[in-house]
């Protein structure tokens, strides 16, 4: 395995472990989005461009936007600054 692949796998493990442990929901969504982007790059390295495009569009794109809108609608995005 190349060193870049090892670093990406390490980053993937770190983001997967960090997401449920974070206290602020906004940070959790950002880490989840980073997970999707890292996974997309790994799919490209594995020569699966169709999966990479799908992961980037759905995993890092649409899902993150839906999470941000949900936080905004439930006022949890502004409520975190008050704590």
PDB file of N, CA and C in Angstrom:
ATOM      1  N   UNK A   1       0.836  -1.176   0.000  1.00  0.00           N
ATOM      2  CA  UNK A   1       0.000   0.000   0.000  1.00  0.00           C
ATOM      3  C   UNK A   1       0.884   1.244   0.000  1.00  0.00           C
ATOM      4  N   UNK A   2       0.451   2.241  -0.726  1.00  0.00           N
ATOM      5  CA  UNK A   2       1.195   3.484  -0.755  1.00  0.00           C
ATOM      6  C   UNK A   2       0.958   4.281   0.516  1.00  0.00           C
ATOM      7  N   UNK A   3       1.836   5.229   0.738  1.00  0.00           N
ATOM      8  CA  UNK A   3       1.741   6.027   1.959  1.00  0.00           C
ATOM      9  C   UNK A   3       0.497   6.903   1.946  1.00  0.00           C
ATOM     10  N   UNK A   4       0.081   7.391   0.769  1.00  0.00           N
ATOM     11  CA  UNK A   4      -1.123   8.219   0.683  1.00  0.00           C
ATOM     12  C   UNK A   4      -2.363   7.412   1.051  1.00  0.00           C
ATOM     13  N   UNK A   5      -2.416   6.183   0.600  1.00  0.00           N
ATOM     14  CA  UNK A   5      -3.551   5.330   0.941  1.00  0.00           C
ATOM     15  C   UNK A   5      -3.599   5.044   2.436  1.00  0.00           C
ATOM     16  N   UNK A   6      -2.441   4.823   3.027  1.00  0.00           N
ATOM     17  CA  UNK A   6      -2.385   4.572   4.472  1.00  0.00           C
ATOM     18  C   UNK A   6      -2.851   5.789   5.262  1.00  0.00           C
ATOM     19  N   UNK A   7      -2.437   6.975   4.820  1.00  0.00           N
ATOM     20  CA  UNK A   7      -2.859   8.198   5.500  1.00  0.00           C
ATOM     21  C   UNK A   7      -4.367   8.423   5.358  1.00  0.00           C
ATOM     22  N   UNK A   8      -4.896   8.131   4.180  1.00  0.00           N
ATOM     23  CA  UNK A   8      -6.336   8.270   3.987  1.00  0.00           C
ATOM     24  C   UNK A   8      -7.118   7.269   4.831  1.00  0.00           C
ATOM     25  N   UNK A   9      -6.617   6.048   4.923  1.00  0.00           N
ATOM     26  CA  UNK A   9      -7.285   5.058   5.776  1.00  0.00           C
ATOM     27  C   UNK A   9      -7.226   5.451   7.249  1.00  0.00           C
ATOM     28  N   UNK A  10      -6.103   6.004   7.676  1.00  0.00           N
ATOM     29  CA  UNK A  10      -5.987   6.483   9.049  1.00  0.00           C
ATOM     30  C   UNK A  10      -6.952   7.641   9.301  1.00  0.00           C
ATOM     31  N   UNK A  11      -7.046   8.561   8.347  1.00  0.00           N
ATOM     32  CA  UNK A  11      -7.987   9.671   8.483  1.00  0.00           C
ATOM     33  C   UNK A  11      -9.423   9.168   8.502  1.00  0.00           C
ATOM     34  N   UNK A  12      -9.716   8.145   7.723  1.00  0.00           N
ATOM     35  CA  UNK A  12     -11.057   7.560   7.703  1.00  0.00           C
ATOM     36  C   UNK A  12     -11.410   6.957   9.058  1.00  0.00           C
ATOM     37  N   UNK A  13     -10.468   6.254   9.651  1.00  0.00           N
ATOM     38  CA  UNK A  13     -10.693   5.660  10.974  1.00  0.00           C
ATOM     39  C   UNK A  13     -10.877   6.741  12.031  1.00  0.00           C
ATOM     40  N   UNK A  14     -10.081   7.801  11.952  1.00  0.00           N
ATOM     41  CA  UNK A  14     -10.183   8.889  12.933  1.00  0.00           C
ATOM     42  C   UNK A  14     -11.528   9.593  12.826  1.00  0.00           C
ATOM     43  N   UNK A  15     -11.964   9.897  11.602  1.00  0.00           N
ATOM     44  CA  UNK A  15     -13.261  10.567  11.451  1.00  0.00           C
ATOM     45  C   UNK A  15     -14.413   9.662  11.870  1.00  0.00           C
ATOM     46  N   UNK A  16     -14.299   8.364  11.590  1.00  0.00           N
ATOM     47  CA  UNK A  16     -15.354   7.434  11.998  1.00  0.00           C
ATOM     48  C   UNK A  16     -15.447   7.339  13.519  1.00  0.00           C
ATOM     49  N   UNK A  17     -14.315   7.397  14.187  1.00  0.00           N
ATOM     50  CA  UNK A  17     -14.321   7.318  15.649  1.00  0.00           C
ATOM     51  C   UNK A  17     -14.709   8.649  16.289  1.00  0.00           C
ATOM     52  N   UNK A  18     -14.362   9.749  15.646  1.00  0.00           N
ATOM     53  CA  UNK A  18     -14.605  11.065  16.237  1.00  0.00           C
ATOM     54  C   UNK A  18     -16.059  11.509  16.120  1.00  0.00           C
ATOM     55  N   UNK A  19     -16.729  11.134  15.058  1.00  0.00           N
ATOM     56  CA  UNK A  19     -18.093  11.631  14.816  1.00  0.00           C
ATOM     57  C   UNK A  19     -19.054  11.357  15.975  1.00  0.00           C
ATOM     58  N   UNK A  20     -19.150  10.162  16.502  1.00  0.00           N
ATOM     59  CA  UNK A  20     -20.099   9.963  17.612  1.00  0.00           C
ATOM     60  C   UNK A  20     -19.616  10.519  18.954  1.00  0.00           C
ATOM     61  N   UNK A  21     -18.340  10.859  19.054  1.00  0.00           N
ATOM     62  CA  UNK A  21     -17.800  11.332  20.328  1.00  0.00           C
ATOM     63  C   UNK A  21     -17.869  12.843  20.499  1.00  0.00           C
ATOM     64  N   UNK A  22     -18.104  13.579  19.415  1.00  0.00           N
ATOM     65  CA  UNK A  22     -18.142  15.035  19.496  1.00  0.00           C
ATOM     66  C   UNK A  22     -19.412  15.502  20.190  1.00  0.00           C
ATOM     67  N   UNK A  23     -19.296  16.582  20.945  1.00  0.00           N
ATOM     68  CA  UNK A  23     -20.435  17.084  21.703  1.00  0.00           C
ATOM     69  C   UNK A  23     -21.297  18.047  20.893  1.00  0.00           C
ATOM     70  N   UNK A  24     -20.684  18.848  20.027  1.00  0.00           N
ATOM     71  CA  UNK A  24     -21.435  19.812  19.226  1.00  0.00           C
ATOM     72  C   UNK A  24     -21.915  19.150  17.934  1.00  0.00           C
ATOM     73  N   UNK A  25     -23.183  19.321  17.647  1.00  0.00           N
ATOM     74  CA  UNK A  25     -23.777  18.688  16.473  1.00  0.00           C
ATOM     75  C   UNK A  25     -23.201  19.242  15.172  1.00  0.00           C
ATOM     76  N   UNK A  26     -22.883  20.526  15.140  1.00  0.00           N
ATOM     77  CA  UNK A  26     -22.302  21.108  13.940  1.00  0.00           C
ATOM     78  C   UNK A  26     -20.961  20.461  13.623  1.00  0.00           C
ATOM     79  N   UNK A  27     -20.131  20.248  14.631  1.00  0.00           N
ATOM     80  CA  UNK A  27     -18.847  19.582  14.421  1.00  0.00           C
ATOM     81  C   UNK A  27     -19.038  18.139  13.949  1.00  0.00           C
ATOM     82  N   UNK A  28     -20.045  17.487  14.472  1.00  0.00           N
ATOM     83  CA  UNK A  28     -20.326  16.115  14.054  1.00  0.00           C
ATOM     84  C   UNK A  28     -20.691  16.049  12.576  1.00  0.00           C
ATOM     85  N   UNK A  29     -21.502  17.000  12.113  1.00  0.00           N
ATOM     86  CA  UNK A  29     -21.888  17.030  10.701  1.00  0.00           C
ATOM     87  C   UNK A  29     -20.677  17.309   9.820  1.00  0.00           C
ATOM     88  N   UNK A  30     -19.809  18.201  10.253  1.00  0.00           N
ATOM     89  CA  UNK A  30     -18.604  18.520   9.478  1.00  0.00           C
ATOM     90  C   UNK A  30     -17.676  17.315   9.395  1.00  0.00           C
ATOM     91  N   UNK A  31     -17.513  16.598  10.486  1.00  0.00           N
ATOM     92  CA  UNK A  31     -16.675  15.396  10.476  1.00  0.00           C
ATOM     93  C   UNK A  31     -17.305  14.321   9.599  1.00  0.00           C
ATOM     94  N   UNK A  32     -18.635  14.209   9.641  1.00  0.00           N
ATOM     95  CA  UNK A  32     -19.325  13.247   8.784  1.00  0.00           C
ATOM     96  C   UNK A  32     -19.123  13.591   7.309  1.00  0.00           C
ATOM     97  N   UNK A  33     -19.145  14.871   6.987  1.00  0.00           N
ATOM     98  CA  UNK A  33     -18.902  15.307   5.619  1.00  0.00           C
ATOM     99  C   UNK A  33     -17.469  14.989   5.202  1.00  0.00           C
ATOM    100  N   UNK A  34     -16.518  15.195   6.104  1.00  0.00           N
ATOM    101  CA  UNK A  34     -15.125  14.853   5.812  1.00  0.00           C
ATOM    102  C   UNK A  34     -14.973  13.350   5.582  1.00  0.00           C
ATOM    103  N   UNK A  35     -15.693  12.551   6.355  1.00  0.00           N
ATOM    104  CA  UNK A  35     -15.676  11.100   6.161  1.00  0.00           C
ATOM    105  C   UNK A  35     -16.119  10.741   4.751  1.00  0.00           C
ATOM    106  N   UNK A  36     -17.199  11.368   4.286  1.00  0.00           N
ATOM    107  CA  UNK A  36     -17.692  11.098   2.942  1.00  0.00           C
ATOM    108  C   UNK A  36     -16.694  11.493   1.870  1.00  0.00           C
ATOM    109  N   UNK A  37     -16.015  12.615   2.063  1.00  0.00           N
ATOM    110  CA  UNK A  37     -15.019  13.054   1.083  1.00  0.00           C
ATOM    111  C   UNK A  37     -13.804  12.139   1.054  1.00  0.00           C
ATOM    112  N   UNK A  38     -13.356  11.714   2.218  1.00  0.00           N
ATOM    113  CA  UNK A  38     -12.217  10.789   2.278  1.00  0.00           C
ATOM    114  C   UNK A  38     -12.586   9.464   1.633  1.00  0.00           C
ATOM    115  N   UNK A  39     -13.796   9.001   1.908  1.00  0.00           N
ATOM    116  CA  UNK A  39     -14.255   7.747   1.305  1.00  0.00           C
ATOM    117  C   UNK A  39     -14.336   7.874  -0.210  1.00  0.00           C
ATOM    118  N   UNK A  40     -14.739   9.035  -0.684  1.00  0.00           N
ATOM    119  CA  UNK A  40     -14.810   9.276  -2.124  1.00  0.00           C
ATOM    120  C   UNK A  40     -13.420   9.210  -2.765  1.00  0.00           C
ATOM    121  N   UNK A  41     -12.436   9.792  -2.111  1.00  0.00           N
ATOM    122  CA  UNK A  41     -11.061   9.736  -2.631  1.00  0.00           C
ATOM    123  C   UNK A  41     -10.551   8.296  -2.629  1.00  0.00           C
ATOM    124  N   UNK A  42     -10.878   7.555  -1.598  1.00  0.00           N
ATOM    125  CA  UNK A  42     -10.459   6.151  -1.559  1.00  0.00           C
ATOM    126  C   UNK A  42     -11.106   5.335  -2.670  1.00  0.00           C
ATOM    127  N   UNK A  43     -12.365   5.619  -2.995  1.00  0.00           N
ATOM    128  CA  UNK A  43     -13.003   4.918  -4.112  1.00  0.00           C
ATOM    129  C   UNK A  43     -12.305   5.241  -5.426  1.00  0.00           C
ATOM    130  N   UNK A  44     -11.846   6.485  -5.578  1.00  0.00           N
ATOM    131  CA  UNK A  44     -11.102   6.845  -6.789  1.00  0.00           C
ATOM    132  C   UNK A  44      -9.790   6.058  -6.851  1.00  0.00           C
ATOM    133  N   UNK A  45      -9.098   5.963  -5.723  1.00  0.00           N
ATOM    134  CA  UNK A  45      -7.839   5.207  -5.690  1.00  0.00           C
ATOM    135  C   UNK A  45      -8.057   3.721  -5.956  1.00  0.00           C
ATOM    136  N   UNK A  46      -9.223   3.223  -5.612  1.00  0.00           N
ATOM    137  CA  UNK A  46      -9.559   1.817  -5.881  1.00  0.00           C
ATOM    138  C   UNK A  46     -10.125   1.621  -7.288  1.00  0.00           C
ATOM    139  N   UNK A  47     -10.066   2.672  -8.085  1.00  0.00           N
ATOM    140  CA  UNK A  47     -10.501   2.653  -9.480  1.00  0.00           C
ATOM    141  C   UNK A  47     -11.976   2.304  -9.615  1.00  0.00           C
ATOM    142  N   UNK A  48     -12.779   2.925  -8.788  1.00  0.00           N
ATOM    143  CA  UNK A  48     -14.231   2.782  -8.858  1.00  0.00           C
ATOM    144  C   UNK A  48     -14.849   4.186  -8.938  1.00  0.00           C
ATOM    145  N   UNK A  49     -14.739   4.832 -10.107  1.00  0.00           N
ATOM    146  CA  UNK A  49     -15.196   6.224 -10.207  1.00  0.00           C
ATOM    147  C   UNK A  49     -16.706   6.387 -10.033  1.00  0.00           C
ATOM    148  N   UNK A  50     -17.488   5.378 -10.402  1.00  0.00           N
ATOM    149  CA  UNK A  50     -18.937   5.481 -10.221  1.00  0.00           C
ATOM    150  C   UNK A  50     -19.303   5.548  -8.736  1.00  0.00           C
ATOM    151  N   UNK A  51     -18.639   4.746  -7.918  1.00  0.00           N
ATOM    152  CA  UNK A  51     -18.868   4.793  -6.472  1.00  0.00           C
ATOM    153  C   UNK A  51     -18.348   6.087  -5.868  1.00  0.00           C
ATOM    154  N   UNK A  52     -17.235   6.588  -6.391  1.00  0.00           N
ATOM    155  CA  UNK A  52     -16.669   7.834  -5.883  1.00  0.00           C
ATOM    156  C   UNK A  52     -17.616   9.005  -6.125  1.00  0.00           C
ATOM    157  N   UNK A  53     -18.194   9.066  -7.308  1.00  0.00           N
ATOM    158  CA  UNK A  53     -19.134  10.145  -7.617  1.00  0.00           C
ATOM    159  C   UNK A  53     -20.383  10.040  -6.750  1.00  0.00           C
ATOM    160  N   UNK A  54     -20.871   8.824  -6.570  1.00  0.00           N
ATOM    161  CA  UNK A  54     -22.055   8.622  -5.736  1.00  0.00           C
ATOM    162  C   UNK A  54     -21.769   8.984  -4.288  1.00  0.00           C
ATOM    163  N   UNK A  55     -20.629   8.590  -3.788  1.00  0.00           N
ATOM    164  CA  UNK A  55     -20.267   8.907  -2.394  1.00  0.00           C
ATOM    165  C   UNK A  55     -20.101  10.408  -2.202  1.00  0.00           C
ATOM    166  N   UNK A  56     -19.482  11.072  -3.161  1.00  0.00           N
ATOM    167  CA  UNK A  56     -19.296  12.516  -3.048  1.00  0.00           C
ATOM    168  C   UNK A  56     -20.633  13.244  -3.118  1.00  0.00           C
ATOM    169  N   UNK A  57     -21.507  12.798  -4.003  1.00  0.00           N
ATOM    170  CA  UNK A  57     -22.792  13.476  -4.164  1.00  0.00           C
ATOM    171  C   UNK A  57     -23.733  13.211  -2.997  1.00  0.00           C
ATOM    172  N   UNK A  58     -23.831  11.957  -2.591  1.00  0.00           N
ATOM    173  CA  UNK A  58     -24.792  11.603  -1.550  1.00  0.00           C
ATOM    174  C   UNK A  58     -24.173  11.707  -0.160  1.00  0.00           C
ATOM    175  N   UNK A  59     -23.035  11.059   0.030  1.00  0.00           N
ATOM    176  CA  UNK A  59     -22.431  11.006   1.366  1.00  0.00           C
ATOM    177  C   UNK A  59     -21.937  12.343   1.873  1.00  0.00           C
ATOM    178  N   UNK A  60     -21.250  13.094   1.027  1.00  0.00           N
ATOM    179  CA  UNK A  60     -20.697  14.371   1.470  1.00  0.00           C
ATOM    180  C   UNK A  60     -21.576  15.540   1.067  1.00  0.00           C
ATOM    181  N   UNK A  61     -22.402  15.364   0.069  1.00  0.00           N
ATOM    182  CA  UNK A  61     -23.189  16.479  -0.442  1.00  0.00           C
ATOM    183  C   UNK A  61     -24.585  16.571   0.121  1.00  0.00           C
ATOM    184  N   UNK A  62     -25.472  15.752  -0.401  1.00  0.00           N
ATOM    185  CA  UNK A  62     -26.896  15.846  -0.073  1.00  0.00           C
ATOM    186  C   UNK A  62     -27.153  15.586   1.410  1.00  0.00           C
ATOM    187  N   UNK A  63     -26.551  14.561   1.951  1.00  0.00           N
ATOM    188  CA  UNK A  63     -26.780  14.224   3.354  1.00  0.00           C
ATOM    189  C   UNK A  63     -26.316  15.338   4.286  1.00  0.00           C
ATOM    190  N   UNK A  64     -25.168  15.930   3.995  1.00  0.00           N
ATOM    191  CA  UNK A  64     -24.679  17.022   4.835  1.00  0.00           C
ATOM    192  C   UNK A  64     -25.589  18.237   4.753  1.00  0.00           C
ATOM    193  N   UNK A  65     -26.066  18.549   3.561  1.00  0.00           N
ATOM    194  CA  UNK A  65     -26.998  19.668   3.407  1.00  0.00           C
ATOM    195  C   UNK A  65     -28.273  19.397   4.206  1.00  0.00           C
ATOM    196  N   UNK A  66     -28.774  18.174   4.146  1.00  0.00           N
ATOM    197  CA  UNK A  66     -29.972  17.832   4.919  1.00  0.00           C
ATOM    198  C   UNK A  66     -29.726  17.942   6.424  1.00  0.00           C
ATOM    199  N   UNK A  67     -28.558  17.528   6.879  1.00  0.00           N
ATOM    200  CA  UNK A  67     -28.218  17.678   8.303  1.00  0.00           C
ATOM    201  C   UNK A  67     -28.144  19.145   8.696  1.00  0.00           C
ATOM    202  N   UNK A  68     -27.512  19.982   7.864  1.00  0.00           N
ATOM    203  CA  UNK A  68     -27.423  21.413   8.161  1.00  0.00           C
ATOM    204  C   UNK A  68     -28.811  22.049   8.205  1.00  0.00           C
ATOM    205  N   UNK A  69     -29.668  21.695   7.249  1.00  0.00           N
ATOM    206  CA  UNK A  69     -31.032  22.236   7.256  1.00  0.00           C
ATOM    207  C   UNK A  69     -31.816  21.780   8.478  1.00  0.00           C
ATOM    208  N   UNK A  70     -31.629  20.541   8.884  1.00  0.00           N
ATOM    209  CA  UNK A  70     -32.309  20.032  10.078  1.00  0.00           C
ATOM    210  C   UNK A  70     -31.847  20.774  11.323  1.00  0.00           C
ATOM    211  N   UNK A  71     -30.546  21.006  11.442  1.00  0.00           N
ATOM    212  CA  UNK A  71     -30.041  21.757  12.591  1.00  0.00           C
ATOM    213  C   UNK A  71     -30.578  23.182  12.593  1.00  0.00           C
ATOM    214  N   UNK A  72     -30.687  23.779  11.416  1.00  0.00           N
ATOM    215  CA  UNK A  72     -31.210  25.140  11.309  1.00  0.00           C
ATOM    216  C   UNK A  72     -32.690  25.186  11.675  1.00  0.00           C
ATOM    217  N   UNK A  73     -33.472  24.230  11.164  1.00  0.00           N
ATOM    218  CA  UNK A  73     -34.918  24.213  11.421  1.00  0.00           C
ATOM    219  C   UNK A  73     -35.244  23.939  12.883  1.00  0.00           C
ATOM    220  N   UNK A  74     -34.446  23.125  13.545  1.00  0.00           N
ATOM    221  CA  UNK A  74     -34.714  22.787  14.944  1.00  0.00           C
ATOM    222  C   UNK A  74     -34.036  23.750  15.908  1.00  0.00           C
ATOM    223  N   UNK A  75     -33.433  24.794  15.393  1.00  0.00           N
ATOM    224  CA  UNK A  75     -32.746  25.819  16.191  1.00  0.00           C
ATOM    225  C   UNK A  75     -31.603  25.266  17.026  1.00  0.00           C
ATOM    226  N   UNK A  76     -31.113  24.098  16.671  1.00  0.00           N
ATOM    227  CA  UNK A  76     -29.969  23.546  17.398  1.00  0.00           C
ATOM    228  C   UNK A  76     -28.663  24.181  16.932  1.00  0.00           C
ATOM    229  N   UNK A  77     -28.663  24.740  15.735  1.00  0.00           N
ATOM    230  CA  UNK A  77     -27.466  25.380  15.217  1.00  0.00           C
ATOM    231  C   UNK A  77     -27.168  26.654  15.985  1.00  0.00           C
ATOM    232  N   UNK A  78     -28.198  27.463  16.254  1.00  0.00           N
ATOM    233  CA  UNK A  78     -27.995  28.680  17.023  1.00  0.00           C
ATOM    234  C   UNK A  78     -27.895  28.391  18.515  1.00  0.00           C
ATOM    235  N   UNK A  79     -28.573  27.333  18.971  1.00  0.00           N
ATOM    236  CA  UNK A  79     -28.606  27.006  20.387  1.00  0.00           C
ATOM    237  C   UNK A  79     -27.256  26.555  20.932  1.00  0.00           C
ATOM    238  N   UNK A  80     -26.375  26.088  20.079  1.00  0.00           N
ATOM    239  CA  UNK A  80     -25.071  25.629  20.548  1.00  0.00           C
ATOM    240  C   UNK A  80     -24.183  26.777  20.980  1.00  0.00           C
ATOM    241  N   UNK A  81     -24.386  27.960  20.396  1.00  0.00           N
ATOM    242  CA  UNK A  81     -23.565  29.109  20.754  1.00  0.00           C
ATOM    243  C   UNK A  81     -23.933  29.642  22.141  1.00  0.00           C
ATOM    244  N   UNK A  82     -25.138  29.384  22.597  1.00  0.00           N
ATOM    245  CA  UNK A  82     -25.601  29.885  23.883  1.00  0.00           C
ATOM    246  C   UNK A  82     -25.072  29.084  25.061  1.00  0.00           C
ATOM    247  N   UNK A  83     -24.585  27.871  24.791  1.00  0.00           N
ATOM    248  CA  UNK A  83     -24.134  26.981  25.878  1.00  0.00           C
ATOM    249  C   UNK A  83     -22.807  27.396  26.419  1.00  0.00           C
TER     250      UNK A  83
END
